[in-house]
């Protein structure tokens, strides 16, 4: 068998985008688990039909959650003492 070598150099922006996406995916999975949803779709349905949305701190190592406005992208985290909370709808890109 012959294996072809694939050379591809990613730019710094592409590396950062990949890191951001994987962090957001991890945070969504954690939020689903904490809130008791089996899938992201269930979380989306519940959040879209309510006046508040589950939110999670986006700081690595902090999994503080609470209910916030659906469009919240810089909410206050009581654990980290910083504006790092995002609602599930913002993380999913719905809002």
C-alpha atoms as a PDB file:
ATOM      1  CA  UNK A   1       0.000   0.000   0.000  1.00  0.00           C
ATOM      2  CA  UNK A   2       1.202   3.480  -0.803  1.00  0.00           C
ATOM      3  CA  UNK A   3       0.342   6.316   1.526  1.00  0.00           C
ATOM      4  CA  UNK A   4       0.380   9.842   0.218  1.00  0.00           C
ATOM      5  CA  UNK A   5       1.705  12.527   2.477  1.00  0.00           C
ATOM      6  CA  UNK A   6      -0.612  15.381   3.096  1.00  0.00           C
ATOM      7  CA  UNK A   7       1.076  18.638   4.001  1.00  0.00           C
ATOM      8  CA  UNK A   8      -1.097  21.440   5.222  1.00  0.00           C
ATOM      9  CA  UNK A   9      -0.053  24.370   7.339  1.00  0.00           C
ATOM     10  CA  UNK A  10      -2.833  26.017   9.281  1.00  0.00           C
ATOM     11  CA  UNK A  11      -2.777  29.724   9.955  1.00  0.00           C
ATOM     12  CA  UNK A  12      -2.921  31.049  13.508  1.00  0.00           C
ATOM     13  CA  UNK A  13      -6.482  32.196  12.906  1.00  0.00           C
ATOM     14  CA  UNK A  14      -7.542  28.685  11.848  1.00  0.00           C
ATOM     15  CA  UNK A  15      -5.893  27.201  14.943  1.00  0.00           C
ATOM     16  CA  UNK A  16      -7.687  29.702  17.211  1.00  0.00           C
ATOM     17  CA  UNK A  17     -11.027  29.060  15.477  1.00  0.00           C
ATOM     18  CA  UNK A  18     -10.610  25.306  15.989  1.00  0.00           C
ATOM     19  CA  UNK A  19      -9.788  25.823  19.660  1.00  0.00           C
ATOM     20  CA  UNK A  20     -12.830  28.072  20.145  1.00  0.00           C
ATOM     21  CA  UNK A  21     -15.172  25.610  18.448  1.00  0.00           C
ATOM     22  CA  UNK A  22     -13.968  22.680  20.492  1.00  0.00           C
ATOM     23  CA  UNK A  23     -14.287  24.660  23.741  1.00  0.00           C
ATOM     24  CA  UNK A  24     -17.837  25.646  22.796  1.00  0.00           C
ATOM     25  CA  UNK A  25     -18.691  22.041  21.960  1.00  0.00           C
ATOM     26  CA  UNK A  26     -17.293  20.903  25.310  1.00  0.00           C
ATOM     27  CA  UNK A  27     -19.239  23.585  27.162  1.00  0.00           C
ATOM     28  CA  UNK A  28     -22.483  22.643  25.371  1.00  0.00           C
ATOM     29  CA  UNK A  29     -21.991  18.997  26.312  1.00  0.00           C
ATOM     30  CA  UNK A  30     -21.322  19.979  29.927  1.00  0.00           C
ATOM     31  CA  UNK A  31     -24.364  22.260  29.982  1.00  0.00           C
ATOM     32  CA  UNK A  32     -26.572  19.460  28.617  1.00  0.00           C
ATOM     33  CA  UNK A  33     -25.312  17.074  31.272  1.00  0.00           C
ATOM     34  CA  UNK A  34     -25.782  19.540  34.144  1.00  0.00           C
ATOM     35  CA  UNK A  35     -29.253  20.602  32.973  1.00  0.00           C
ATOM     36  CA  UNK A  36     -30.351  16.982  32.425  1.00  0.00           C
ATOM     37  CA  UNK A  37     -30.715  16.956  28.639  1.00  0.00           C
ATOM     38  CA  UNK A  38     -29.626  13.927  26.631  1.00  0.00           C
ATOM     39  CA  UNK A  39     -28.948  15.866  23.428  1.00  0.00           C
ATOM     40  CA  UNK A  40     -28.139  19.391  22.308  1.00  0.00           C
ATOM     41  CA  UNK A  41     -31.396  19.339  20.303  1.00  0.00           C
ATOM     42  CA  UNK A  42     -33.395  18.874  23.517  1.00  0.00           C
ATOM     43  CA  UNK A  43     -31.523  21.780  25.099  1.00  0.00           C
ATOM     44  CA  UNK A  44     -32.191  23.929  22.029  1.00  0.00           C
ATOM     45  CA  UNK A  45     -35.905  23.165  22.081  1.00  0.00           C
ATOM     46  CA  UNK A  46     -36.236  23.959  25.783  1.00  0.00           C
ATOM     47  CA  UNK A  47     -34.187  27.161  25.577  1.00  0.00           C
ATOM     48  CA  UNK A  48     -35.950  28.435  22.452  1.00  0.00           C
ATOM     49  CA  UNK A  49     -39.386  28.100  24.023  1.00  0.00           C
ATOM     50  CA  UNK A  50     -38.595  29.856  27.310  1.00  0.00           C
ATOM     51  CA  UNK A  51     -37.954  33.447  28.341  1.00  0.00           C
ATOM     52  CA  UNK A  52     -34.659  32.425  29.963  1.00  0.00           C
ATOM     53  CA  UNK A  53     -31.895  30.138  28.746  1.00  0.00           C
ATOM     54  CA  UNK A  54     -29.393  27.933  30.515  1.00  0.00           C
ATOM     55  CA  UNK A  55     -25.976  29.607  30.496  1.00  0.00           C
ATOM     56  CA  UNK A  56     -22.472  28.389  31.297  1.00  0.00           C
ATOM     57  CA  UNK A  57     -19.161  30.057  32.097  1.00  0.00           C
ATOM     58  CA  UNK A  58     -16.816  29.876  29.109  1.00  0.00           C
ATOM     59  CA  UNK A  59     -13.642  29.925  31.220  1.00  0.00           C
ATOM     60  CA  UNK A  60     -11.731  26.644  31.023  1.00  0.00           C
ATOM     61  CA  UNK A  61     -12.050  24.773  34.297  1.00  0.00           C
ATOM     62  CA  UNK A  62     -15.187  26.614  35.422  1.00  0.00           C
ATOM     63  CA  UNK A  63     -18.540  24.943  34.798  1.00  0.00           C
ATOM     64  CA  UNK A  64     -20.769  27.377  36.689  1.00  0.00           C
ATOM     65  CA  UNK A  65     -24.268  27.437  35.211  1.00  0.00           C
ATOM     66  CA  UNK A  66     -27.364  29.545  35.758  1.00  0.00           C
ATOM     67  CA  UNK A  67     -30.390  30.901  33.891  1.00  0.00           C
ATOM     68  CA  UNK A  68     -29.838  34.070  31.842  1.00  0.00           C
ATOM     69  CA  UNK A  69     -31.414  36.052  29.034  1.00  0.00           C
ATOM     70  CA  UNK A  70     -31.391  34.085  25.756  1.00  0.00           C
ATOM     71  CA  UNK A  71     -29.141  36.672  24.049  1.00  0.00           C
ATOM     72  CA  UNK A  72     -26.579  36.875  26.884  1.00  0.00           C
ATOM     73  CA  UNK A  73     -22.981  36.689  25.681  1.00  0.00           C
ATOM     74  CA  UNK A  74     -21.116  38.438  28.504  1.00  0.00           C
ATOM     75  CA  UNK A  75     -22.969  37.510  31.668  1.00  0.00           C
ATOM     76  CA  UNK A  76     -21.418  37.701  35.114  1.00  0.00           C
ATOM     77  CA  UNK A  77     -19.913  34.472  36.491  1.00  0.00           C
ATOM     78  CA  UNK A  78     -20.188  34.437  40.271  1.00  0.00           C
ATOM     79  CA  UNK A  79     -17.389  31.865  40.553  1.00  0.00           C
ATOM     80  CA  UNK A  80     -14.802  33.504  38.262  1.00  0.00           C
ATOM     81  CA  UNK A  81     -15.944  37.055  39.033  1.00  0.00           C
ATOM     82  CA  UNK A  82     -15.829  37.950  35.340  1.00  0.00           C
ATOM     83  CA  UNK A  83     -18.135  38.511  32.379  1.00  0.00           C
ATOM     84  CA  UNK A  84     -17.663  35.050  30.855  1.00  0.00           C
ATOM     85  CA  UNK A  85     -21.181  33.566  30.874  1.00  0.00           C
ATOM     86  CA  UNK A  86     -22.896  32.701  27.580  1.00  0.00           C
ATOM     87  CA  UNK A  87     -26.401  31.405  27.039  1.00  0.00           C
ATOM     88  CA  UNK A  88     -26.902  28.099  25.267  1.00  0.00           C
ATOM     89  CA  UNK A  89     -28.553  29.863  22.318  1.00  0.00           C
ATOM     90  CA  UNK A  90     -25.549  32.140  21.825  1.00  0.00           C
ATOM     91  CA  UNK A  91     -23.101  29.218  22.046  1.00  0.00           C
ATOM     92  CA  UNK A  92     -25.137  27.310  19.441  1.00  0.00           C
ATOM     93  CA  UNK A  93     -25.143  30.336  17.143  1.00  0.00           C
ATOM     94  CA  UNK A  94     -28.926  30.675  17.124  1.00  0.00           C
ATOM     95  CA  UNK A  95     -28.725  34.252  18.408  1.00  0.00           C
END
